Structures are given as structure tokens and as C-alpha cells.
Amino acid sequence: MNISVSATDDISMTFNRLHSMASSLYQTASSLEQDFSSSEGAVIESSNAIKQVDKVISEISDNNNVLSKQIKTLESAVNQVRSISETIGDISEQTKLLALNAAIEAARAGDMDVALALWHWRLVNYQTVLPALLIKLQPFCCK
């Protein structure tokens, strides 16, 4: 009978150890489940944050493209104004020379009709320059 009691005690202790191990495994599994759950939440939050950053970068890129187009448009307008200014400067210089030449011719000839004829001849030559200037000014005047 001693052997039977001893075997029963051994079986009981083995069952207690198995129960203890099962309980420990259950606690470990519960802990792992919680860790996985919180990790999944962190992954979702990270994914959402990355999507938001991507959206902001896309908006910045779009704004940069718009700004680049506006700068090119402004550069073109500045170049047009520069060209018009140069044409006006050329006309101004030619007008000064024309007035000086007319005065010299009038003094040399002693006759105002000759000076006026020279003045008229040079003004007729400007008829080719002035239409080009007006064409350049038209986009700024007629908006």
C-alpha cells in the first residue's frame, strides 16, 4: 500500500506542476496578447503619421511648382519691361540727336524750312520704331 500512496503522491505532484506550468503559460500568452495589441496600435498610429507627412510633402511640392511658375511669369514680365525701357531709351537718344541736328542744320543753312524738312524726314523714319513700341506696350495697357 505504501507504493500506491507514494505513486498517488507523485501523480498529484506532477499534476500540480503541470497546472502551475499551464497557469504560467496562460499568463505569458495574455501578456504577449496585450503587447501585440499595443504594438498593432503603435503601427497604425505610425502609418497614419507617415500618411500625413506624405500629404504635407505633396502640398509643399505643389506650392513649390506654383511658385516656380509665378517666378517664370514675373521674369518674363521683367524682361518685357526691360525691352520696352531700352526701346524708349533708344527713342529718347535719337530724339535728342534729331533736335541737335535740326538746330545745327538750321544754323548752318540759315533757313528754317531746311531744318523743318530734316526734322520731318527723321520723324518719318521713327514711324517704323514707334509701332513696334506700341505693340510691346499693348499687353500692359489693354488688360
N, C-alpha and C. Protein backbone atom coordinates (compact mmCIF):
# COMPACT_ATOMS: atom_id res chain seq x y z
N MET A 1 0.79 -1.18 0.00
CA MET A 1 0.00 0.00 0.00
C MET A 1 0.85 1.26 0.00
N ASN A 2 1.94 1.17 0.54
CA ASN A 2 2.87 2.28 0.56
C ASN A 2 3.23 2.73 -0.86
N ILE A 3 3.37 1.78 -1.70
CA ILE A 3 3.74 2.09 -3.08
C ILE A 3 2.57 2.79 -3.75
N SER A 4 1.44 2.43 -3.49
CA SER A 4 0.26 3.04 -4.06
C SER A 4 0.10 4.47 -3.59
N VAL A 5 0.34 4.73 -2.33
CA VAL A 5 0.23 6.09 -1.78
C VAL A 5 1.34 6.94 -2.37
N SER A 6 2.51 6.37 -2.45
CA SER A 6 3.65 7.10 -2.99
C SER A 6 3.42 7.43 -4.47
N ALA A 7 2.87 6.48 -5.23
CA ALA A 7 2.60 6.73 -6.64
C ALA A 7 1.51 7.76 -6.79
N THR A 8 0.53 7.73 -5.91
CA THR A 8 -0.54 8.71 -5.95
C THR A 8 0.01 10.09 -5.63
N ASP A 9 0.89 10.18 -4.65
CA ASP A 9 1.51 11.46 -4.31
C ASP A 9 2.34 11.99 -5.49
N ASP A 10 3.06 11.10 -6.15
CA ASP A 10 3.88 11.51 -7.31
C ASP A 10 2.99 12.01 -8.45
N ILE A 11 1.92 11.31 -8.68
CA ILE A 11 0.99 11.73 -9.73
C ILE A 11 0.37 13.06 -9.38
N SER A 12 0.01 13.26 -8.11
CA SER A 12 -0.59 14.51 -7.66
C SER A 12 0.39 15.67 -7.83
N MET A 13 1.66 15.42 -7.46
CA MET A 13 2.68 16.48 -7.58
C MET A 13 2.91 16.80 -9.08
N THR A 14 2.88 15.79 -9.91
CA THR A 14 3.08 16.01 -11.35
C THR A 14 1.93 16.82 -11.92
N PHE A 15 0.70 16.51 -11.47
CA PHE A 15 -0.46 17.30 -11.92
C PHE A 15 -0.36 18.73 -11.41
N ASN A 16 0.09 18.92 -10.18
CA ASN A 16 0.25 20.28 -9.64
C ASN A 16 1.30 21.07 -10.45
N ARG A 17 2.39 20.40 -10.81
CA ARG A 17 3.42 21.07 -11.61
C ARG A 17 2.87 21.42 -13.01
N LEU A 18 2.14 20.49 -13.59
CA LEU A 18 1.53 20.75 -14.91
C LEU A 18 0.54 21.91 -14.83
N HIS A 19 -0.23 21.93 -13.74
CA HIS A 19 -1.19 23.03 -13.54
C HIS A 19 -0.44 24.35 -13.39
N SER A 20 0.63 24.34 -12.64
CA SER A 20 1.43 25.54 -12.45
C SER A 20 2.03 26.00 -13.77
N MET A 21 2.54 25.05 -14.56
CA MET A 21 3.11 25.40 -15.86
C MET A 21 2.04 25.94 -16.80
N ALA A 22 0.88 25.35 -16.78
CA ALA A 22 -0.23 25.80 -17.63
C ALA A 22 -0.65 27.21 -17.24
N SER A 23 -0.71 27.45 -15.94
CA SER A 23 -1.07 28.78 -15.46
C SER A 23 -0.03 29.81 -15.90
N SER A 24 1.23 29.46 -15.80
CA SER A 24 2.32 30.35 -16.21
C SER A 24 2.25 30.60 -17.72
N LEU A 25 1.98 29.56 -18.50
CA LEU A 25 1.84 29.72 -19.95
C LEU A 25 0.64 30.61 -20.29
N TYR A 26 -0.43 30.49 -19.56
CA TYR A 26 -1.60 31.32 -19.78
C TYR A 26 -1.28 32.78 -19.52
N GLN A 27 -0.57 33.07 -18.41
CA GLN A 27 -0.19 34.44 -18.09
C GLN A 27 0.75 35.01 -19.17
N THR A 28 1.70 34.20 -19.62
CA THR A 28 2.63 34.63 -20.68
C THR A 28 1.86 34.92 -21.96
N ALA A 29 0.92 34.07 -22.30
CA ALA A 29 0.12 34.28 -23.51
C ALA A 29 -0.70 35.55 -23.40
N SER A 30 -1.29 35.80 -22.23
CA SER A 30 -2.07 37.02 -22.02
C SER A 30 -1.18 38.26 -22.16
N SER A 31 0.00 38.20 -21.59
CA SER A 31 0.95 39.31 -21.67
C SER A 31 1.36 39.56 -23.12
N LEU A 32 1.63 38.49 -23.86
CA LEU A 32 2.00 38.62 -25.27
C LEU A 32 0.85 39.21 -26.08
N GLU A 33 -0.36 38.78 -25.77
CA GLU A 33 -1.52 39.30 -26.49
C GLU A 33 -1.66 40.81 -26.27
N GLN A 34 -1.46 41.26 -25.04
CA GLN A 34 -1.53 42.69 -24.74
C GLN A 34 -0.40 43.45 -25.47
N ASP A 35 0.81 42.87 -25.46
CA ASP A 35 1.94 43.51 -26.15
C ASP A 35 1.67 43.62 -27.64
N PHE A 36 1.13 42.54 -28.24
CA PHE A 36 0.81 42.58 -29.66
C PHE A 36 -0.27 43.61 -29.96
N SER A 37 -1.25 43.70 -29.08
CA SER A 37 -2.34 44.65 -29.26
C SER A 37 -1.82 46.08 -29.22
N SER A 38 -0.97 46.39 -28.25
CA SER A 38 -0.42 47.75 -28.16
C SER A 38 0.54 48.01 -29.32
N SER A 39 1.28 47.01 -29.76
CA SER A 39 2.18 47.17 -30.91
C SER A 39 1.38 47.45 -32.17
N GLU A 40 0.27 46.77 -32.34
CA GLU A 40 -0.57 46.99 -33.50
C GLU A 40 -1.09 48.43 -33.52
N GLY A 41 -1.48 48.94 -32.36
CA GLY A 41 -1.94 50.32 -32.27
C GLY A 41 -0.82 51.29 -32.63
N ALA A 42 0.39 51.02 -32.17
CA ALA A 42 1.53 51.88 -32.49
C ALA A 42 1.83 51.85 -33.98
N VAL A 43 1.71 50.69 -34.60
CA VAL A 43 1.95 50.57 -36.04
C VAL A 43 0.90 51.37 -36.81
N ILE A 44 -0.34 51.28 -36.40
CA ILE A 44 -1.42 52.04 -37.06
C ILE A 44 -1.18 53.54 -36.92
N GLU A 45 -0.81 53.98 -35.71
CA GLU A 45 -0.52 55.40 -35.49
C GLU A 45 0.65 55.86 -36.35
N SER A 46 1.69 55.04 -36.42
CA SER A 46 2.86 55.38 -37.25
C SER A 46 2.47 55.47 -38.72
N SER A 47 1.66 54.54 -39.16
CA SER A 47 1.21 54.55 -40.56
C SER A 47 0.41 55.82 -40.86
N ASN A 48 -0.47 56.21 -39.95
CA ASN A 48 -1.26 57.43 -40.13
C ASN A 48 -0.35 58.66 -40.15
N ALA A 49 0.64 58.70 -39.27
CA ALA A 49 1.58 59.83 -39.23
C ALA A 49 2.36 59.92 -40.54
N ILE A 50 2.78 58.78 -41.07
CA ILE A 50 3.52 58.77 -42.34
C ILE A 50 2.64 59.27 -43.47
N LYS A 51 1.36 58.88 -43.47
CA LYS A 51 0.43 59.36 -44.50
C LYS A 51 0.27 60.88 -44.41
N GLN A 52 0.18 61.42 -43.20
CA GLN A 52 0.04 62.86 -43.02
C GLN A 52 1.29 63.59 -43.51
N VAL A 53 2.46 63.06 -43.17
CA VAL A 53 3.72 63.67 -43.61
C VAL A 53 3.80 63.64 -45.13
N ASP A 54 3.40 62.54 -45.74
CA ASP A 54 3.40 62.42 -47.19
C ASP A 54 2.47 63.46 -47.82
N LYS A 55 1.31 63.66 -47.22
CA LYS A 55 0.35 64.65 -47.72
C LYS A 55 0.93 66.06 -47.63
N VAL A 56 1.58 66.38 -46.51
CA VAL A 56 2.19 67.71 -46.34
C VAL A 56 3.30 67.91 -47.37
N ILE A 57 4.12 66.88 -47.59
CA ILE A 57 5.20 66.98 -48.58
C ILE A 57 4.62 67.20 -49.97
N SER A 58 3.53 66.53 -50.29
CA SER A 58 2.88 66.70 -51.59
C SER A 58 2.35 68.13 -51.75
N GLU A 59 1.75 68.67 -50.69
CA GLU A 59 1.24 70.04 -50.73
C GLU A 59 2.39 71.03 -50.92
N ILE A 60 3.50 70.80 -50.22
CA ILE A 60 4.66 71.68 -50.36
C ILE A 60 5.19 71.62 -51.79
N SER A 61 5.23 70.43 -52.35
CA SER A 61 5.70 70.27 -53.73
C SER A 61 4.79 71.01 -54.70
N ASP A 62 3.47 70.88 -54.51
CA ASP A 62 2.52 71.59 -55.37
C ASP A 62 2.70 73.10 -55.25
N ASN A 63 2.84 73.59 -54.01
CA ASN A 63 3.04 75.02 -53.81
C ASN A 63 4.35 75.49 -54.44
N ASN A 64 5.37 74.66 -54.37
CA ASN A 64 6.65 74.99 -54.98
C ASN A 64 6.52 75.10 -56.49
N ASN A 65 5.73 74.21 -57.11
CA ASN A 65 5.51 74.26 -58.55
C ASN A 65 4.77 75.53 -58.94
N VAL A 66 3.76 75.90 -58.17
CA VAL A 66 3.01 77.12 -58.45
C VAL A 66 3.92 78.34 -58.31
N LEU A 67 4.72 78.36 -57.26
CA LEU A 67 5.65 79.47 -57.05
C LEU A 67 6.66 79.56 -58.19
N SER A 68 7.13 78.43 -58.65
CA SER A 68 8.09 78.41 -59.77
C SER A 68 7.45 79.00 -61.03
N LYS A 69 6.21 78.64 -61.30
CA LYS A 69 5.51 79.20 -62.47
C LYS A 69 5.32 80.70 -62.33
N GLN A 70 4.99 81.16 -61.13
CA GLN A 70 4.81 82.60 -60.90
C GLN A 70 6.12 83.34 -61.08
N ILE A 71 7.21 82.76 -60.63
CA ILE A 71 8.53 83.39 -60.80
C ILE A 71 8.87 83.49 -62.29
N LYS A 72 8.58 82.44 -63.07
CA LYS A 72 8.85 82.49 -64.51
C LYS A 72 8.01 83.56 -65.18
N THR A 73 6.74 83.68 -64.78
CA THR A 73 5.87 84.71 -65.33
C THR A 73 6.40 86.10 -65.00
N LEU A 74 6.82 86.29 -63.76
CA LEU A 74 7.38 87.57 -63.34
C LEU A 74 8.66 87.87 -64.10
N GLU A 75 9.49 86.87 -64.28
CA GLU A 75 10.74 87.06 -65.03
C GLU A 75 10.45 87.49 -66.46
N SER A 76 9.45 86.88 -67.07
CA SER A 76 9.05 87.24 -68.43
C SER A 76 8.57 88.69 -68.48
N ALA A 77 7.75 89.09 -67.50
CA ALA A 77 7.25 90.47 -67.46
C ALA A 77 8.40 91.46 -67.27
N VAL A 78 9.35 91.11 -66.42
CA VAL A 78 10.51 91.99 -66.20
C VAL A 78 11.31 92.13 -67.49
N ASN A 79 11.48 91.04 -68.22
CA ASN A 79 12.20 91.10 -69.49
C ASN A 79 11.47 91.97 -70.51
N GLN A 80 10.13 91.90 -70.52
CA GLN A 80 9.35 92.75 -71.42
C GLN A 80 9.51 94.22 -71.05
N VAL A 81 9.45 94.50 -69.75
CA VAL A 81 9.61 95.89 -69.29
C VAL A 81 11.01 96.39 -69.63
N ARG A 82 12.01 95.54 -69.46
CA ARG A 82 13.39 95.91 -69.79
C ARG A 82 13.50 96.24 -71.28
N SER A 83 12.89 95.42 -72.12
CA SER A 83 12.93 95.65 -73.56
C SER A 83 12.24 96.96 -73.93
N ILE A 84 11.10 97.20 -73.31
CA ILE A 84 10.37 98.46 -73.57
C ILE A 84 11.20 99.65 -73.11
N SER A 85 11.82 99.53 -71.94
CA SER A 85 12.65 100.62 -71.43
C SER A 85 13.82 100.91 -72.36
N GLU A 86 14.43 99.86 -72.88
CA GLU A 86 15.55 100.04 -73.81
C GLU A 86 15.07 100.73 -75.08
N THR A 87 13.89 100.34 -75.58
CA THR A 87 13.35 100.97 -76.79
C THR A 87 13.05 102.44 -76.54
N ILE A 88 12.47 102.75 -75.39
CA ILE A 88 12.18 104.14 -75.04
C ILE A 88 13.48 104.93 -74.91
N GLY A 89 14.49 104.31 -74.32
CA GLY A 89 15.79 104.98 -74.20
C GLY A 89 16.40 105.26 -75.56
N ASP A 90 16.29 104.27 -76.46
CA ASP A 90 16.80 104.47 -77.82
C ASP A 90 16.07 105.61 -78.52
N ILE A 91 14.76 105.65 -78.38
CA ILE A 91 13.97 106.73 -79.00
C ILE A 91 14.37 108.08 -78.40
N SER A 92 14.56 108.10 -77.10
CA SER A 92 14.96 109.34 -76.44
C SER A 92 16.31 109.83 -76.97
N GLU A 93 17.27 108.93 -77.08
CA GLU A 93 18.59 109.31 -77.61
C GLU A 93 18.47 109.82 -79.04
N GLN A 94 17.69 109.11 -79.86
CA GLN A 94 17.52 109.53 -81.25
C GLN A 94 16.82 110.88 -81.34
N THR A 95 15.87 111.12 -80.45
CA THR A 95 15.16 112.41 -80.45
C THR A 95 16.11 113.54 -80.08
N LYS A 96 16.97 113.30 -79.10
CA LYS A 96 17.96 114.32 -78.71
C LYS A 96 18.89 114.63 -79.89
N LEU A 97 19.37 113.56 -80.55
CA LEU A 97 20.24 113.76 -81.71
C LEU A 97 19.51 114.47 -82.84
N LEU A 98 18.26 114.12 -83.04
CA LEU A 98 17.45 114.75 -84.07
C LEU A 98 17.29 116.24 -83.81
N ALA A 99 17.01 116.61 -82.57
CA ALA A 99 16.85 118.02 -82.22
C ALA A 99 18.17 118.77 -82.40
N LEU A 100 19.29 118.15 -81.98
CA LEU A 100 20.60 118.77 -82.15
C LEU A 100 20.94 118.95 -83.62
N ASN A 101 20.71 117.92 -84.42
CA ASN A 101 20.98 118.02 -85.86
C ASN A 101 20.12 119.08 -86.53
N ALA A 102 18.86 119.14 -86.13
CA ALA A 102 17.96 120.15 -86.70
C ALA A 102 18.45 121.56 -86.37
N ALA A 103 18.91 121.76 -85.13
CA ALA A 103 19.41 123.08 -84.74
C ALA A 103 20.68 123.42 -85.50
N ILE A 104 21.56 122.43 -85.66
CA ILE A 104 22.81 122.66 -86.41
C ILE A 104 22.50 122.98 -87.87
N GLU A 105 21.61 122.22 -88.46
CA GLU A 105 21.25 122.46 -89.87
C GLU A 105 20.59 123.81 -90.04
N ALA A 106 19.75 124.18 -89.11
CA ALA A 106 19.08 125.48 -89.21
C ALA A 106 20.10 126.61 -89.09
N ALA A 107 21.05 126.44 -88.18
CA ALA A 107 22.07 127.48 -88.03
C ALA A 107 22.96 127.53 -89.25
N ARG A 108 23.32 126.39 -89.78
CA ARG A 108 24.19 126.34 -90.96
C ARG A 108 23.49 126.88 -92.20
N ALA A 109 22.27 126.47 -92.40
CA ALA A 109 21.56 126.88 -93.61
C ALA A 109 20.99 128.26 -93.48
N GLY A 110 20.72 128.66 -92.27
CA GLY A 110 20.10 129.97 -92.08
C GLY A 110 18.67 129.98 -92.54
N ASP A 111 18.14 128.86 -92.80
CA ASP A 111 16.79 128.80 -93.31
C ASP A 111 16.00 127.77 -92.49
N MET A 112 14.91 128.18 -91.91
CA MET A 112 14.11 127.30 -91.08
C MET A 112 13.43 126.21 -91.89
N ASP A 113 13.13 126.45 -93.16
CA ASP A 113 12.45 125.44 -93.97
C ASP A 113 13.32 124.19 -94.13
N VAL A 114 14.62 124.37 -94.26
CA VAL A 114 15.52 123.24 -94.41
C VAL A 114 15.55 122.42 -93.11
N ALA A 115 15.62 123.11 -91.96
CA ALA A 115 15.63 122.43 -90.66
C ALA A 115 14.33 121.66 -90.45
N LEU A 116 13.22 122.26 -90.82
CA LEU A 116 11.93 121.58 -90.66
C LEU A 116 11.83 120.38 -91.59
N ALA A 117 12.37 120.49 -92.78
CA ALA A 117 12.34 119.36 -93.71
C ALA A 117 13.18 118.20 -93.16
N LEU A 118 14.34 118.52 -92.59
CA LEU A 118 15.18 117.48 -91.99
C LEU A 118 14.48 116.84 -90.80
N TRP A 119 13.88 117.66 -89.98
CA TRP A 119 13.13 117.17 -88.81
C TRP A 119 12.02 116.21 -89.26
N HIS A 120 11.27 116.64 -90.29
CA HIS A 120 10.18 115.82 -90.80
C HIS A 120 10.71 114.49 -91.36
N TRP A 121 11.81 114.52 -92.09
CA TRP A 121 12.38 113.30 -92.67
C TRP A 121 12.77 112.29 -91.59
N ARG A 122 13.36 112.78 -90.51
CA ARG A 122 13.78 111.87 -89.44
C ARG A 122 12.57 111.35 -88.65
N LEU A 123 11.56 112.18 -88.48
CA LEU A 123 10.36 111.71 -87.79
C LEU A 123 9.66 110.62 -88.58
N VAL A 124 9.68 110.73 -89.89
CA VAL A 124 9.08 109.70 -90.74
C VAL A 124 9.82 108.37 -90.52
N ASN A 125 11.13 108.43 -90.32
CA ASN A 125 11.89 107.21 -90.06
C ASN A 125 11.48 106.57 -88.72
N TYR A 126 11.03 107.37 -87.79
CA TYR A 126 10.59 106.82 -86.49
C TYR A 126 9.27 106.09 -86.60
N GLN A 127 8.57 106.25 -87.71
CA GLN A 127 7.31 105.55 -87.86
C GLN A 127 7.51 104.04 -87.88
N THR A 128 8.69 103.59 -88.14
CA THR A 128 8.94 102.14 -88.09
C THR A 128 9.25 101.68 -86.67
N VAL A 129 9.78 102.58 -85.82
CA VAL A 129 10.16 102.21 -84.45
C VAL A 129 8.96 102.29 -83.52
N LEU A 130 8.15 103.32 -83.66
CA LEU A 130 7.04 103.55 -82.72
C LEU A 130 5.97 102.45 -82.76
N PRO A 131 5.57 101.91 -83.92
CA PRO A 131 4.59 100.82 -83.89
C PRO A 131 5.09 99.60 -83.12
N ALA A 132 6.38 99.30 -83.26
CA ALA A 132 6.93 98.16 -82.51
C ALA A 132 6.84 98.42 -81.01
N LEU A 133 7.10 99.66 -80.61
CA LEU A 133 6.99 100.01 -79.19
C LEU A 133 5.55 99.89 -78.72
N LEU A 134 4.61 100.35 -79.52
CA LEU A 134 3.20 100.26 -79.14
C LEU A 134 2.75 98.80 -79.03
N ILE A 135 3.25 97.94 -79.89
CA ILE A 135 2.91 96.51 -79.80
C ILE A 135 3.43 95.93 -78.49
N LYS A 136 4.62 96.34 -78.09
CA LYS A 136 5.18 95.85 -76.83
C LYS A 136 4.41 96.38 -75.62
N LEU A 137 3.91 97.61 -75.73
CA LEU A 137 3.18 98.21 -74.60
C LEU A 137 1.74 97.72 -74.50
N GLN A 138 1.19 97.22 -75.58
CA GLN A 138 -0.23 96.84 -75.61
C GLN A 138 -0.64 95.87 -74.50
N PRO A 139 0.13 94.82 -74.17
CA PRO A 139 -0.31 93.91 -73.10
C PRO A 139 -0.44 94.60 -71.74
N PHE A 140 0.31 95.66 -71.53
CA PHE A 140 0.25 96.35 -70.25
C PHE A 140 -0.86 97.40 -70.21
N CYS A 141 -1.24 97.90 -71.37
CA CYS A 141 -2.24 98.98 -71.43
C CYS A 141 -3.66 98.44 -71.55
N CYS A 142 -3.81 97.32 -72.15
CA CYS A 142 -5.14 96.86 -72.57
C CYS A 142 -5.57 95.60 -71.84
N LYS A 143 -5.38 95.52 -70.57
CA LYS A 143 -5.81 94.32 -69.81
C LYS A 143 -7.21 94.47 -69.31
